[in-house]
Amino acid sequence: MGYQPKYLGHVNIFVRNVERSHQWYADVLGLHTYGFRPGQVAFLAADREQSHEVRWSRQVTTRRLRRVATSA
């Protein structure tokens, strides 16, 4: 790997496939995993001293949002 970030700040990213995104960022950028719930969320960081700098969450579709809003 040619580049590895030292610090990322705090970022939330919504993705369709948490597992695939988690694996790619860990493999390509060498990010360290601090928490992982398959199909739900992944917490990663470039700096091992940080609890987590990046969070990948499963993207909620518009269809699902409508269903939740109308059931409330």
Protein backbone atom coordinates (compact mmCIF):
# COMPACT_ATOMS: atom_id res chain seq x y z
CA MET A 1 0.00 0.00 0.00
CA GLY A 2 1.40 3.39 -1.01
CA TYR A 3 -0.61 5.66 1.28
CA GLN A 4 -2.01 5.28 4.77
CA PRO A 5 -3.85 8.16 6.46
CA LYS A 6 -2.64 9.23 9.92
CA TYR A 7 -5.81 10.94 11.11
CA LEU A 8 -9.28 11.30 9.60
CA GLY A 9 -11.39 13.42 11.96
CA HIS A 10 -14.91 12.09 12.37
CA VAL A 11 -16.85 10.92 9.31
CA ASN A 12 -20.21 9.15 8.87
CA ILE A 13 -20.74 7.37 5.55
CA PHE A 14 -23.97 5.71 4.47
CA VAL A 15 -23.42 2.68 2.21
CA ARG A 16 -25.50 -0.09 0.67
CA ASN A 17 -23.14 -2.88 1.71
CA VAL A 18 -21.42 -2.42 5.08
CA GLU A 19 -19.37 -5.61 4.80
CA ARG A 20 -17.92 -4.75 1.39
CA SER A 21 -17.12 -1.15 2.37
CA HIS A 22 -15.56 -2.27 5.67
CA GLN A 23 -13.35 -4.80 3.91
CA TRP A 24 -12.24 -2.38 1.18
CA TYR A 25 -11.22 0.42 3.55
CA ALA A 26 -9.45 -2.00 5.87
CA ASP A 27 -7.55 -3.66 3.00
CA VAL A 28 -6.76 -0.62 0.83
CA LEU A 29 -6.19 2.11 3.45
CA GLY A 30 -5.19 -0.13 6.36
CA LEU A 31 -7.87 1.25 8.69
CA HIS A 32 -8.28 -0.55 12.01
CA THR A 33 -11.66 -1.96 13.05
CA TYR A 34 -13.08 -0.87 16.41
CA GLY A 35 -16.55 -2.30 16.04
CA PHE A 36 -18.51 -4.22 13.46
CA ARG A 37 -22.11 -5.41 13.27
CA PRO A 38 -22.62 -7.22 9.94
CA GLY A 39 -25.35 -5.63 7.84
CA GLN A 40 -25.62 -2.68 10.22
CA VAL A 41 -22.51 -0.64 11.00
CA ALA A 42 -18.69 -0.63 11.04
CA PHE A 43 -16.41 1.65 13.06
CA LEU A 44 -12.84 2.14 11.81
CA ALA A 45 -9.89 4.44 12.46
CA ALA A 46 -6.49 5.26 10.98
CA ASP A 47 -5.08 6.14 14.41
CA ARG A 48 -5.22 3.29 16.94
CA GLU A 49 -5.46 5.87 19.74
CA GLN A 50 -8.86 7.08 18.48
CA SER A 51 -12.01 5.14 19.39
CA HIS A 52 -13.28 5.48 15.83
CA GLU A 53 -12.90 8.11 13.17
CA VAL A 54 -15.12 6.70 10.45
CA ARG A 55 -18.51 5.04 10.71
CA TRP A 56 -20.12 3.14 7.85
CA SER A 57 -23.86 2.66 8.26
CA ARG A 58 -26.29 0.78 6.08
CA GLN A 59 -28.15 3.15 3.78
CA VAL A 60 -31.88 3.33 4.47
CA THR A 61 -33.89 3.35 1.26
CA THR A 62 -36.64 5.88 0.54
CA ARG A 63 -39.19 3.06 0.46
CA ARG A 64 -38.24 1.98 3.97
CA LEU A 65 -38.34 5.58 5.21
CA ARG A 66 -41.88 6.01 3.88
CA ARG A 67 -43.02 2.81 5.62
CA VAL A 68 -41.55 3.96 8.95
CA ALA A 69 -43.05 7.46 8.61
CA THR A 70 -46.54 6.16 7.85
CA SER A 71 -46.53 3.62 10.69
CA ALA A 72 -45.77 6.27 13.33
